[in-house]
Protein backbone atom coordinates (compact mmCIF):
# COMPACT_ATOMS: atom_id res chain seq x y z
CA MET A 1 104.36 -89.33 17.55
CA HIS A 2 107.65 -89.67 19.24
CA LYS A 3 110.58 -89.63 17.50
CA ASN A 4 111.91 -92.58 19.44
CA PRO A 5 109.67 -94.96 20.49
CA ARG A 6 112.37 -96.15 23.15
CA ALA A 7 111.78 -92.90 24.99
CA LEU A 8 108.41 -93.63 26.53
CA PRO A 9 108.08 -93.07 30.10
CA ARG A 10 109.07 -96.26 32.23
CA SER A 11 105.59 -96.46 33.92
CA GLN A 12 103.76 -96.73 30.46
CA SER A 13 106.51 -99.21 29.02
CA THR A 14 106.17 -101.62 31.75
CA ALA A 15 102.41 -101.55 31.27
CA VAL A 16 102.55 -102.92 28.02
CA SER A 17 102.97 -106.62 27.41
CA GLY A 18 105.45 -108.31 25.15
CA ARG A 19 102.57 -108.81 22.58
CA GLY A 20 101.51 -105.29 23.14
CA ARG A 21 104.89 -104.09 22.58
CA LEU A 22 105.25 -105.99 19.22
CA LEU A 23 101.89 -104.59 18.07
CA ALA A 24 102.58 -101.28 19.01
CA ALA A 25 105.99 -101.40 17.03
CA ILE A 26 104.27 -102.76 13.95
CA LEU A 27 101.58 -100.10 14.11
CA LEU A 28 104.38 -97.58 14.72
CA LEU A 29 106.42 -98.87 11.79
CA LEU A 30 103.13 -98.88 9.58
CA THR A 31 102.30 -95.44 10.51
CA PHE A 32 105.81 -94.29 9.81
CA ALA A 33 105.66 -95.93 6.56
CA LEU A 34 102.37 -94.14 5.37
CA VAL A 35 103.67 -90.87 6.53
CA ALA A 36 107.02 -91.13 4.96
CA ALA A 37 106.11 -92.87 1.60
CA PRO A 38 104.34 -89.93 0.12
CA ALA A 39 106.90 -87.36 1.02
CA ALA A 40 109.28 -89.67 -0.73
CA GLU A 41 107.48 -89.56 -3.80
CA VAL A 42 107.48 -85.77 -4.25
CA GLN A 43 110.93 -85.08 -2.76
CA ALA A 44 112.79 -83.37 -5.70
CA ARG A 45 116.50 -84.24 -6.17
CA ALA A 46 118.86 -81.90 -4.43
CA ALA A 47 120.83 -79.20 -6.45
CA PRO A 48 124.22 -80.66 -7.51
CA ASP A 49 127.41 -79.61 -5.97
CA SER A 50 128.81 -77.95 -8.89
CA PHE A 51 127.62 -77.69 -12.58
CA ALA A 52 131.23 -77.70 -13.74
CA ASP A 53 131.41 -81.18 -15.04
CA LEU A 54 128.20 -80.79 -17.01
CA ALA A 55 129.19 -77.47 -18.31
CA GLU A 56 132.58 -78.73 -19.60
CA LYS A 57 130.86 -81.47 -21.54
CA LEU A 58 128.26 -79.14 -23.08
CA LEU A 59 130.02 -75.82 -23.79
CA PRO A 60 131.54 -77.37 -27.23
CA THR A 61 128.18 -77.97 -28.48
CA VAL A 62 127.22 -74.24 -28.10
CA VAL A 63 128.25 -71.63 -30.84
CA ASN A 64 128.18 -68.08 -31.03
CA ILE A 65 126.71 -66.70 -34.28
CA SER A 66 127.31 -63.12 -35.98
CA THR A 67 125.38 -61.80 -38.97
CA THR A 68 125.81 -58.79 -41.35
CA GLN A 69 123.24 -57.32 -43.81
CA GLN A 70 123.01 -54.17 -45.97
CA VAL A 71 120.40 -51.80 -44.28
CA GLU A 72 119.39 -48.14 -45.00
CA SER A 73 121.14 -46.05 -42.63
CA SER A 74 119.02 -43.25 -40.77
CA GLU A 75 120.49 -39.82 -40.65
CA GLY A 76 121.19 -40.23 -36.98
CA GLY A 77 123.79 -42.85 -38.05
CA ILE A 78 125.74 -40.55 -40.38
CA PRO A 79 128.45 -37.93 -39.60
CA ASP A 80 126.86 -34.51 -39.84
CA ASP A 81 129.64 -33.27 -42.33
CA PHE A 82 129.24 -36.10 -44.61
CA ARG A 83 125.25 -35.95 -44.57
CA ASP A 84 125.25 -32.13 -45.44
CA LEU A 85 127.79 -32.64 -48.47
CA PHE A 86 125.72 -35.56 -49.55
CA ARG A 87 122.54 -33.41 -49.74
CA ASP A 88 124.40 -30.29 -50.92
CA PHE A 89 125.48 -32.40 -54.11
CA PHE A 90 122.13 -33.42 -55.12
CA GLU A 91 120.70 -29.77 -54.36
CA ARG A 92 123.14 -28.46 -56.62
CA ARG A 93 122.23 -30.73 -59.55
CA GLY A 94 118.92 -28.84 -59.65
CA GLN A 95 120.66 -25.40 -59.51
CA ARG A 96 122.58 -26.19 -62.39
CA GLY A 97 119.75 -27.05 -64.65
CA GLN A 98 119.59 -30.80 -64.20
CA GLU A 99 116.75 -32.61 -63.23
CA PRO A 100 116.93 -32.57 -59.50
CA GLN A 101 116.89 -35.94 -57.96
CA PRO A 102 116.27 -36.99 -54.20
CA ALA A 103 119.42 -38.48 -52.61
CA PRO A 104 119.61 -41.98 -52.73
CA PRO A 105 119.42 -43.80 -49.46
CA ILE A 106 122.78 -44.44 -47.69
CA MET A 107 123.50 -48.09 -47.14
CA ARG A 108 125.52 -49.30 -44.21
CA ARG A 109 126.43 -52.96 -42.93
CA ALA A 110 124.85 -53.79 -39.76
CA THR A 111 125.66 -56.80 -37.46
CA ALA A 112 124.02 -58.95 -35.05
CA LEU A 113 124.98 -61.58 -32.36
CA GLY A 114 123.08 -64.55 -31.00
CA SER A 115 123.69 -68.15 -30.30
CA GLY A 116 123.15 -71.59 -31.49
CA PHE A 117 123.93 -75.21 -30.76
CA ILE A 118 125.14 -78.15 -32.90
CA ILE A 119 122.68 -80.96 -33.24
CA ASP A 120 124.59 -83.17 -35.99
CA PRO A 121 128.34 -83.77 -36.18
CA SER A 122 128.13 -83.04 -40.04
CA GLY A 123 127.45 -79.32 -38.98
CA TYR A 124 123.61 -78.75 -38.50
CA ILE A 125 123.18 -75.91 -36.10
CA VAL A 126 119.95 -74.59 -34.51
CA THR A 127 119.27 -70.93 -33.81
CA ASN A 128 116.43 -68.36 -33.52
CA PHE A 129 114.83 -66.90 -36.88
CA HIS A 130 115.23 -63.42 -35.75
CA VAL A 131 119.20 -63.88 -35.24
CA VAL A 132 119.48 -64.73 -39.00
CA ASP A 133 116.46 -63.00 -40.79
CA GLY A 134 117.58 -60.99 -43.50
CA ALA A 135 121.37 -61.67 -43.19
CA ASP A 136 123.68 -61.49 -45.94
CA GLU A 137 126.36 -63.25 -44.22
CA ILE A 138 126.31 -65.72 -41.32
CA THR A 139 129.42 -66.83 -39.29
CA VAL A 140 129.81 -69.49 -36.69
CA ARG A 141 132.10 -69.28 -34.00
CA LEU A 142 133.04 -72.61 -32.30
CA ALA A 143 133.97 -73.20 -28.75
CA ASP A 144 137.78 -73.42 -30.08
CA ASP A 145 137.27 -70.16 -31.70
CA THR A 146 137.02 -71.47 -35.32
CA ASN A 147 135.35 -69.38 -37.51
CA LEU A 148 132.96 -70.90 -40.18
CA LYS A 149 130.56 -69.62 -42.73
CA ALA A 150 126.99 -70.73 -42.30
CA LYS A 151 124.19 -71.56 -45.13
CA LEU A 152 120.64 -70.74 -43.86
CA ILE A 153 119.04 -74.14 -44.56
CA GLY A 154 115.35 -72.81 -43.63
CA GLY A 155 113.62 -70.81 -40.95
CA ASP A 156 110.20 -70.49 -39.56
CA ASP A 157 108.90 -67.10 -38.43
CA LYS A 158 105.88 -68.55 -36.61
CA THR A 159 107.74 -70.33 -34.15
CA ASP A 160 111.24 -68.17 -34.33
CA LEU A 161 113.36 -71.12 -35.24
CA ALA A 162 115.99 -71.65 -38.00
CA LEU A 163 118.58 -74.24 -39.11
CA LEU A 164 122.14 -73.58 -40.34
CA LYS A 165 124.69 -75.75 -42.08
CA VAL A 166 128.58 -75.18 -41.90
CA GLU A 167 131.06 -77.31 -43.32
CA SER A 168 133.91 -78.50 -41.21
CA PRO A 169 136.88 -80.65 -41.98
CA LYS A 170 136.32 -82.78 -38.78
CA PRO A 171 133.13 -84.13 -36.86
CA LEU A 172 131.78 -81.61 -34.47
CA PRO A 173 130.53 -82.08 -31.00
CA ALA A 174 126.65 -82.49 -30.89
CA ALA A 175 123.91 -81.86 -28.24
CA HIS A 176 121.15 -84.29 -28.00
CA TRP A 177 117.40 -83.49 -27.89
CA GLY A 178 115.45 -84.14 -24.55
CA ASP A 179 111.72 -84.45 -23.66
CA SER A 180 110.40 -80.97 -22.69
CA ASP A 181 107.08 -82.65 -21.96
CA SER A 182 108.71 -84.68 -19.08
CA ILE A 183 110.47 -81.64 -17.24
CA ARG A 184 108.59 -80.20 -14.25
CA VAL A 185 108.30 -76.62 -12.63
CA GLY A 186 111.20 -76.57 -10.16
CA ASP A 187 113.54 -78.90 -12.32
CA TRP A 188 117.18 -77.63 -12.58
CA VAL A 189 118.39 -76.32 -15.84
CA LEU A 190 121.55 -74.85 -17.62
CA ALA A 191 121.33 -72.14 -20.10
CA ILE A 192 124.45 -71.54 -22.57
CA GLY A 193 124.96 -68.69 -24.89
CA ASN A 194 126.59 -65.50 -25.94
CA PRO A 195 125.09 -62.76 -23.80
CA PHE A 196 125.90 -59.15 -24.98
CA GLY A 197 128.51 -60.87 -27.33
CA LEU A 198 130.76 -62.04 -24.39
CA GLY A 199 131.12 -65.61 -25.57
CA GLY A 200 130.11 -68.91 -24.10
CA THR A 201 128.49 -68.09 -20.98
CA VAL A 202 126.87 -70.57 -18.62
CA THR A 203 124.03 -69.75 -16.26
CA ALA A 204 121.74 -71.99 -14.02
CA GLY A 205 118.44 -71.81 -12.76
CA ILE A 206 114.89 -73.75 -12.55
CA ILE A 207 111.91 -74.28 -14.86
CA SER A 208 109.72 -71.35 -13.57
CA ALA A 209 106.61 -72.23 -15.41
CA ARG A 210 105.46 -74.33 -18.50
CA GLN A 211 103.11 -73.53 -21.30
CA ARG A 212 103.53 -69.81 -21.32
CA ASP A 213 101.65 -67.82 -23.87
CA ILE A 214 103.54 -64.38 -24.48
CA ASN A 215 101.78 -63.44 -27.86
CA ALA A 216 104.73 -64.29 -29.96
CA GLY A 217 102.92 -66.31 -32.42
CA PRO A 218 100.02 -68.71 -32.88
CA TYR A 219 101.86 -71.73 -31.49
CA ASP A 220 103.01 -70.15 -28.12
CA ASP A 221 104.04 -72.77 -25.51
CA PHE A 222 107.11 -71.61 -23.90
CA LEU A 223 109.11 -72.84 -21.11
CA GLN A 224 109.84 -70.08 -18.44
CA THR A 225 113.06 -70.22 -16.58
CA ASP A 226 115.10 -67.96 -14.08
CA ALA A 227 118.21 -69.02 -15.51
CA SER A 228 119.87 -65.59 -16.76
CA ILE A 229 119.05 -65.07 -20.40
CA ASN A 230 120.22 -61.82 -21.93
CA ARG A 231 120.70 -60.17 -25.35
CA GLY A 232 122.65 -62.61 -27.38
CA ASN A 233 121.52 -65.61 -25.68
CA SER A 234 118.62 -66.04 -28.53
CA GLY A 235 119.08 -69.40 -30.11
CA GLY A 236 121.16 -70.95 -27.35
CA PRO A 237 120.05 -73.98 -25.72
CA THR A 238 118.36 -74.84 -22.11
CA PHE A 239 119.77 -78.40 -21.07
CA ASN A 240 118.26 -80.59 -18.37
CA MET A 241 120.56 -82.23 -15.79
CA GLU A 242 121.31 -85.17 -18.17
CA GLY A 243 122.66 -82.69 -20.54
CA GLU A 244 119.83 -82.86 -23.12
CA VAL A 245 118.37 -79.98 -24.80
CA VAL A 246 114.79 -79.23 -23.71
CA GLY A 247 114.41 -75.49 -24.77
CA VAL A 248 115.71 -73.13 -27.36
CA ASN A 249 116.29 -69.60 -25.47
CA THR A 250 114.23 -66.96 -27.75
CA ALA A 251 112.96 -64.22 -25.34
CA ILE A 252 113.22 -62.35 -22.00
CA TYR A 253 110.71 -60.22 -20.23
CA SER A 254 112.64 -57.17 -18.98
CA PRO A 255 111.89 -53.47 -18.63
CA SER A 256 115.59 -52.50 -18.92
CA GLY A 257 116.76 -55.08 -21.48
CA GLY A 258 118.63 -57.12 -19.21
CA SER A 259 117.75 -60.31 -17.21
CA ILE A 260 115.26 -60.03 -14.14
CA GLY A 261 114.84 -63.90 -14.09
CA ILE A 262 112.05 -64.05 -16.74
CA GLY A 263 113.33 -65.88 -19.91
CA PHE A 264 111.31 -68.12 -22.21
CA ALA A 265 112.47 -71.02 -24.32
CA ILE A 266 110.61 -73.02 -27.22
CA PRO A 267 110.31 -76.50 -25.77
CA SER A 268 112.18 -79.08 -27.47
CA VAL A 269 109.20 -81.20 -28.42
CA MET A 270 107.94 -78.23 -30.47
CA ALA A 271 111.59 -77.34 -31.83
CA ARG A 272 112.68 -80.78 -32.85
CA ASN A 273 109.55 -81.26 -35.07
CA ILE A 274 110.04 -77.79 -36.73
CA ILE A 275 113.85 -78.52 -37.37
CA ASP A 276 113.26 -82.04 -38.66
CA SER A 277 110.89 -80.50 -41.24
CA LEU A 278 113.45 -77.67 -42.24
CA ARG A 279 116.19 -80.25 -42.67
CA ARG A 280 114.04 -82.54 -44.80
CA PHE A 281 112.03 -80.04 -46.93
CA GLY A 282 113.83 -76.59 -46.37
CA GLU A 283 110.26 -75.48 -44.95
CA VAL A 284 107.86 -76.40 -42.22
CA ARG A 285 105.16 -78.58 -43.00
CA ARG A 286 102.45 -78.37 -40.61
CA GLY A 287 99.56 -80.59 -39.99
CA TRP A 288 96.02 -79.14 -40.93
CA LEU A 289 92.55 -79.97 -39.45
CA GLY A 290 90.41 -77.59 -41.23
CA VAL A 291 88.24 -75.91 -38.48
CA ARG A 292 88.14 -72.53 -37.06
CA ILE A 293 87.89 -72.69 -33.18
CA GLN A 294 86.88 -70.67 -30.14
CA THR A 295 87.45 -70.74 -26.31
CA VAL A 296 84.78 -72.75 -24.31
CA THR A 297 83.68 -69.99 -21.70
CA GLU A 298 81.81 -71.26 -18.56
CA GLU A 299 78.57 -69.76 -20.08
CA LEU A 300 79.01 -71.93 -23.33
CA ALA A 301 80.13 -74.92 -21.43
CA GLU A 302 76.78 -74.75 -19.46
CA GLY A 303 75.02 -74.07 -22.71
CA LEU A 304 76.72 -77.13 -24.43
CA ARG A 305 76.21 -79.30 -21.28
CA LEU A 306 79.87 -79.57 -20.76
CA PRO A 307 81.14 -80.59 -17.29
CA ASN A 308 83.84 -78.01 -17.71
CA THR A 309 85.47 -75.41 -19.84
CA HIS A 310 88.25 -77.73 -21.38
CA GLY A 311 88.43 -78.20 -25.16
CA ALA A 312 88.09 -76.16 -28.32
CA LEU A 313 84.89 -75.39 -29.71
CA VAL A 314 84.35 -75.79 -33.49
CA ALA A 315 82.90 -72.54 -34.86
CA SER A 316 83.10 -73.75 -38.54
CA VAL A 317 84.41 -76.40 -40.70
CA SER A 318 86.29 -76.29 -44.18
CA PRO A 319 84.16 -78.26 -46.64
CA THR A 320 87.10 -79.67 -48.00
CA GLY A 321 89.19 -80.24 -45.05
CA PRO A 322 90.41 -83.22 -42.96
CA ALA A 323 87.72 -82.64 -40.50
CA ALA A 324 84.79 -82.65 -42.69
CA GLU A 325 86.03 -85.83 -44.12
CA ALA A 326 86.25 -87.54 -40.72
CA GLY A 327 82.82 -86.02 -39.86
CA ILE A 328 83.66 -83.24 -37.37
CA GLU A 329 80.77 -80.85 -37.29
CA GLN A 330 80.27 -77.42 -36.29
CA GLY A 331 79.53 -77.27 -32.61
CA ASP A 332 81.57 -80.19 -31.64
CA VAL A 333 83.93 -79.74 -28.95
CA ILE A 334 87.24 -81.25 -29.36
CA LEU A 335 88.57 -82.63 -26.12
CA GLU A 336 91.41 -84.60 -26.96
CA PHE A 337 93.68 -84.79 -29.85
CA ASN A 338 95.93 -87.98 -30.78
CA GLY A 339 95.68 -89.05 -27.07
CA ARG A 340 96.72 -85.64 -25.81
CA PRO A 341 94.26 -83.34 -23.98
CA VAL A 342 93.03 -80.03 -25.25
CA VAL A 343 92.72 -78.35 -21.98
CA GLU A 344 92.39 -74.77 -23.60
CA MET A 345 91.44 -73.73 -27.12
CA ARG A 346 95.13 -72.55 -28.04
CA ASN A 347 96.47 -76.04 -27.31
CA LEU A 348 94.76 -77.44 -30.46
CA PRO A 349 96.58 -75.65 -33.28
CA ARG A 350 99.88 -76.64 -31.75
CA LEU A 351 99.01 -80.22 -31.57
CA VAL A 352 97.64 -80.48 -34.98
CA ALA A 353 100.68 -78.39 -36.44
CA GLU A 354 103.08 -80.87 -34.64
CA THR A 355 101.51 -83.99 -36.16
CA PRO A 356 103.04 -85.22 -39.35
CA VAL A 357 101.07 -84.67 -42.19
CA GLY A 358 99.19 -87.96 -43.33
CA ASP A 359 99.02 -89.54 -39.92
CA LYS A 360 95.68 -90.87 -38.96
CA VAL A 361 94.94 -89.91 -35.42
CA ASP A 362 91.97 -90.40 -32.91
CA VAL A 363 89.96 -87.18 -32.12
CA ASP A 364 87.72 -87.26 -29.00
CA LEU A 365 84.56 -84.86 -29.29
CA TRP A 366 81.84 -83.78 -27.13
CA ARG A 367 78.64 -83.58 -29.42
CA LYS A 368 74.98 -82.74 -28.14
CA GLY A 369 75.72 -84.21 -24.71
CA GLU A 370 77.74 -87.21 -25.53
CA ARG A 371 81.36 -88.06 -25.98
CA LYS A 372 82.71 -89.95 -29.14
CA THR A 373 85.61 -90.54 -31.10
CA VAL A 374 86.28 -90.12 -34.88
CA GLN A 375 89.40 -90.78 -36.67
CA VAL A 376 91.01 -88.12 -39.02
CA THR A 377 93.78 -88.17 -41.37
CA VAL A 378 96.10 -84.95 -40.68
CA GLY A 379 96.20 -82.69 -43.84
CA LEU A 380 99.11 -80.24 -45.08
CA LEU A 381 98.38 -76.79 -43.78
CA ASP A 382 97.49 -74.37 -46.83
CA GLU A 383 97.19 -70.73 -46.29
CA ALA A 384 94.59 -70.57 -49.30
CA ALA A 385 92.29 -73.35 -47.50
CA VAL A 386 92.57 -71.57 -44.20
CA ALA A 387 91.44 -68.34 -45.89
CA ALA A 388 88.42 -70.13 -47.48
CA LEU A 389 87.03 -70.40 -43.98
CA THR A 390 86.62 -66.64 -43.82
CA PRO A 391 83.27 -65.47 -45.14
CA GLU A 392 83.16 -63.89 -48.57
CA SER A 393 81.26 -60.61 -47.44
CA PRO A 394 79.73 -59.25 -44.27
CA PRO A 395 76.12 -58.23 -44.06
CA LYS A 396 74.97 -54.75 -44.25
CA GLU A 397 72.93 -52.97 -41.89
CA GLY A 398 69.37 -52.00 -42.82
CA GLN A 399 66.07 -52.15 -41.55
CA VAL A 400 63.28 -54.80 -42.09
CA PRO A 401 59.65 -55.63 -40.87
CA THR A 402 59.60 -57.14 -37.78
CA GLU A 403 58.51 -60.79 -37.52
CA GLN A 404 58.90 -61.80 -33.86
CA SER A 405 60.19 -60.06 -30.68
CA LEU A 406 61.96 -61.87 -27.97
CA GLU A 407 61.29 -59.27 -25.47
CA GLY A 408 63.24 -60.98 -22.55
CA LEU A 409 66.13 -61.26 -24.62
CA GLY A 410 66.21 -58.07 -26.35
CA LEU A 411 66.03 -59.57 -29.60
CA THR A 412 63.67 -58.78 -32.74
CA LEU A 413 64.09 -61.44 -35.33
CA GLY A 414 62.81 -61.81 -39.03
CA GLU A 415 62.70 -64.49 -41.80
CA LEU A 416 65.07 -64.37 -44.50
CA THR A 417 63.65 -63.40 -48.04
CA SER A 418 64.83 -62.34 -51.17
CA ASP A 419 64.30 -58.63 -50.01
CA THR A 420 66.04 -58.98 -46.77
CA ARG A 421 68.89 -60.78 -48.33
CA GLN A 422 69.33 -57.96 -50.70
CA ARG A 423 68.81 -55.34 -47.89
CA PHE A 424 71.56 -56.79 -45.78
CA GLY A 425 73.86 -57.98 -48.73
CA LEU A 426 73.49 -61.58 -47.85
CA ALA A 427 74.17 -64.56 -50.26
CA ASP A 428 71.31 -66.23 -51.84
CA ASP A 429 72.28 -69.28 -50.03
CA SER A 430 72.58 -68.12 -46.59
CA LYS A 431 70.34 -69.73 -44.05
CA GLY A 432 69.29 -68.84 -40.63
CA VAL A 433 67.33 -66.11 -38.79
CA LEU A 434 67.77 -62.30 -39.19
CA VAL A 435 68.33 -60.34 -36.34
CA THR A 436 66.57 -57.09 -37.17
CA GLY A 437 66.47 -55.33 -33.80
CA VAL A 438 68.44 -55.27 -30.44
CA THR A 439 67.30 -53.59 -27.27
CA PRO A 440 70.09 -51.46 -25.93
CA ALA A 441 71.46 -52.93 -22.47
CA GLY A 442 69.43 -56.07 -22.92
CA PRO A 443 70.88 -59.63 -22.88
CA ALA A 444 71.54 -59.84 -26.45
CA ALA A 445 73.13 -56.55 -26.80
CA GLU A 446 75.60 -57.55 -23.79
CA LYS A 447 76.58 -60.37 -26.03
CA GLY A 448 77.06 -58.16 -28.87
CA PHE A 449 74.12 -58.90 -31.03
CA ARG A 450 73.17 -56.29 -33.70
CA PRO A 451 70.95 -55.94 -36.66
CA GLY A 452 72.25 -58.00 -39.62
CA ASP A 453 73.44 -60.86 -37.67
CA LEU A 454 72.25 -64.21 -38.69
CA ILE A 455 71.34 -66.83 -36.06
CA ILE A 456 72.22 -70.20 -37.74
CA GLU A 457 71.85 -72.66 -34.72
CA VAL A 458 70.32 -72.57 -31.13
CA ASP A 459 71.82 -75.61 -29.08
CA GLN A 460 73.19 -77.13 -32.02
CA GLU A 461 69.88 -77.64 -33.81
CA ALA A 462 69.48 -75.54 -37.20
CA VAL A 463 66.63 -72.76 -37.19
CA THR A 464 65.26 -71.18 -40.18
CA THR A 465 62.30 -69.15 -38.66
CA PRO A 466 61.86 -66.71 -35.55
CA GLU A 467 59.51 -69.47 -34.08
CA ASP A 468 62.27 -72.05 -34.46
CA VAL A 469 64.58 -69.79 -32.21
CA SER A 470 61.53 -69.09 -29.66
CA GLN A 471 60.90 -72.95 -29.41
CA ARG A 472 64.40 -73.81 -28.89
CA ILE A 473 64.59 -71.41 -26.09
CA ALA A 474 61.30 -72.42 -24.35
CA LYS A 475 62.67 -76.04 -24.40
CA ALA A 476 65.73 -75.10 -22.82
CA LYS A 477 64.21 -73.24 -20.10
CA SER A 478 61.66 -75.87 -19.56
CA GLU A 479 64.57 -78.46 -18.88
CA GLY A 480 65.95 -76.05 -16.35
CA PHE A 481 68.84 -74.46 -18.27
CA ARG A 482 69.89 -71.04 -17.79
CA VAL A 483 71.63 -70.32 -21.20
CA VAL A 484 71.44 -71.67 -24.80
CA THR A 485 74.37 -71.76 -27.13
CA VAL A 486 73.72 -69.55 -30.31
CA LEU A 487 75.67 -69.85 -33.62
CA VAL A 488 75.82 -66.62 -35.09
CA ARG A 489 77.17 -65.10 -38.29
CA ARG A 490 78.10 -61.66 -37.40
CA ALA A 491 77.09 -58.74 -39.54
CA SER A 492 80.26 -56.96 -38.67
CA GLY A 493 83.27 -58.96 -40.56
CA GLY A 494 81.07 -61.92 -41.34
CA ASP A 495 82.66 -64.27 -38.52
CA VAL A 496 80.95 -67.32 -37.39
CA GLU A 497 81.06 -67.95 -33.50
CA TRP A 498 79.26 -69.67 -30.82
CA VAL A 499 77.72 -67.33 -28.15
CA ALA A 500 76.18 -68.33 -24.67
CA LEU A 501 72.86 -66.34 -24.36
CA PRO A 502 71.36 -66.10 -21.03
CA ILE A 503 67.65 -67.01 -20.70
CA THR A 504 66.73 -66.97 -17.25
CA GLY A 505 64.65 -63.81 -17.39
CA SER A 506 63.11 -64.47 -20.95
């Protein structure tokens, strides 16, 4: 298409009638509109000419944090003359006939530096838990160089967040939370903090990625940014271009310890919930569903007749938990929680933990080839209740008479009897079909089956005899499926998990 429709050769333009010219012009305009409209939709905002106005507004809301604590000194931190004198004193006690004693540890005061930001004019300040963990004394330095003693209101090591409180004679400038869910990869952000103890420092960059899992804790969901973040930036804020906090800087990836453009921030949607709980209760009160879950692999998705690998597969359900009361069953795949999709298994714990205790929410499930919705009232996370999901005792290995062999799968199965329960250390009320033999290098061996495992379900149907297992597999094969889903209680560790077992060659 020509940029200028008036620049057509004269011989062409004179051949077009007035009506034709009008139609051509309309067509040209429509074509331009169709081409230009999508481009306008995806066009990002240009970088500002300067961040100065925004930085000037936000700098007073960011503070420097220093802590001190008593720690046991290593020998490397003590002068040689003093260390030798200290040892000699206690050794001579033994030479004088007194009871020799080991030298007591030498204590020293250690200091640490970090960052934080004010979220309330009354003096509430957010920082990282690792900045203040174990501190005997916490000092906050404001942007005007005022030093204030801070009190730790509460901290959460699982998300690395902490809330401090200072007393100030006048209201303090406070930052405002933003919506980290609305920020996109490529959006501009500002990071402000106290790198290497230098004081208030502003750096700019973009959001490089979202939902990063860096194995820092059970609720990893970090924003990644290339804004320079270094030691001492921990606990400082990441701002969007509206001057709202969208993240709390907490970690960097760096072989050298300095910024290489890979920094991580806790999203504000998560941080705000944690901080609100710390402020209200002095502790984090997380939501609890009462399920053990596992990843939906491609093979499991096929076995469960799922169209994709999205969701969290329920491996077991606490009999007294909210999920059981709502009717969630072992073998269900949770696809959505409270209207938010569970794309990966690791998304679910965070979504549940962020939900206020007592809220009634919709949970979308995939159960035996159909999608359904149940309502669950979110409970309070209780470590004792979570521990109750772990089986009490793992089975022991042993040899029992063979009941039936599934040669194509490399499995030998036997029924549960009082004798086999005793041999494998199984509880009297244990149910399922016992794996008594596994052929090396067979399909079952490749999936980790071993003697002593218990097969509880096949394709979400309970099995109690080897014949039940054989029939379920034959049924799936006759219907054209290549795998079956098997619920197994492992002999090693006693964990319950779903396994996709190939049946093509069986």
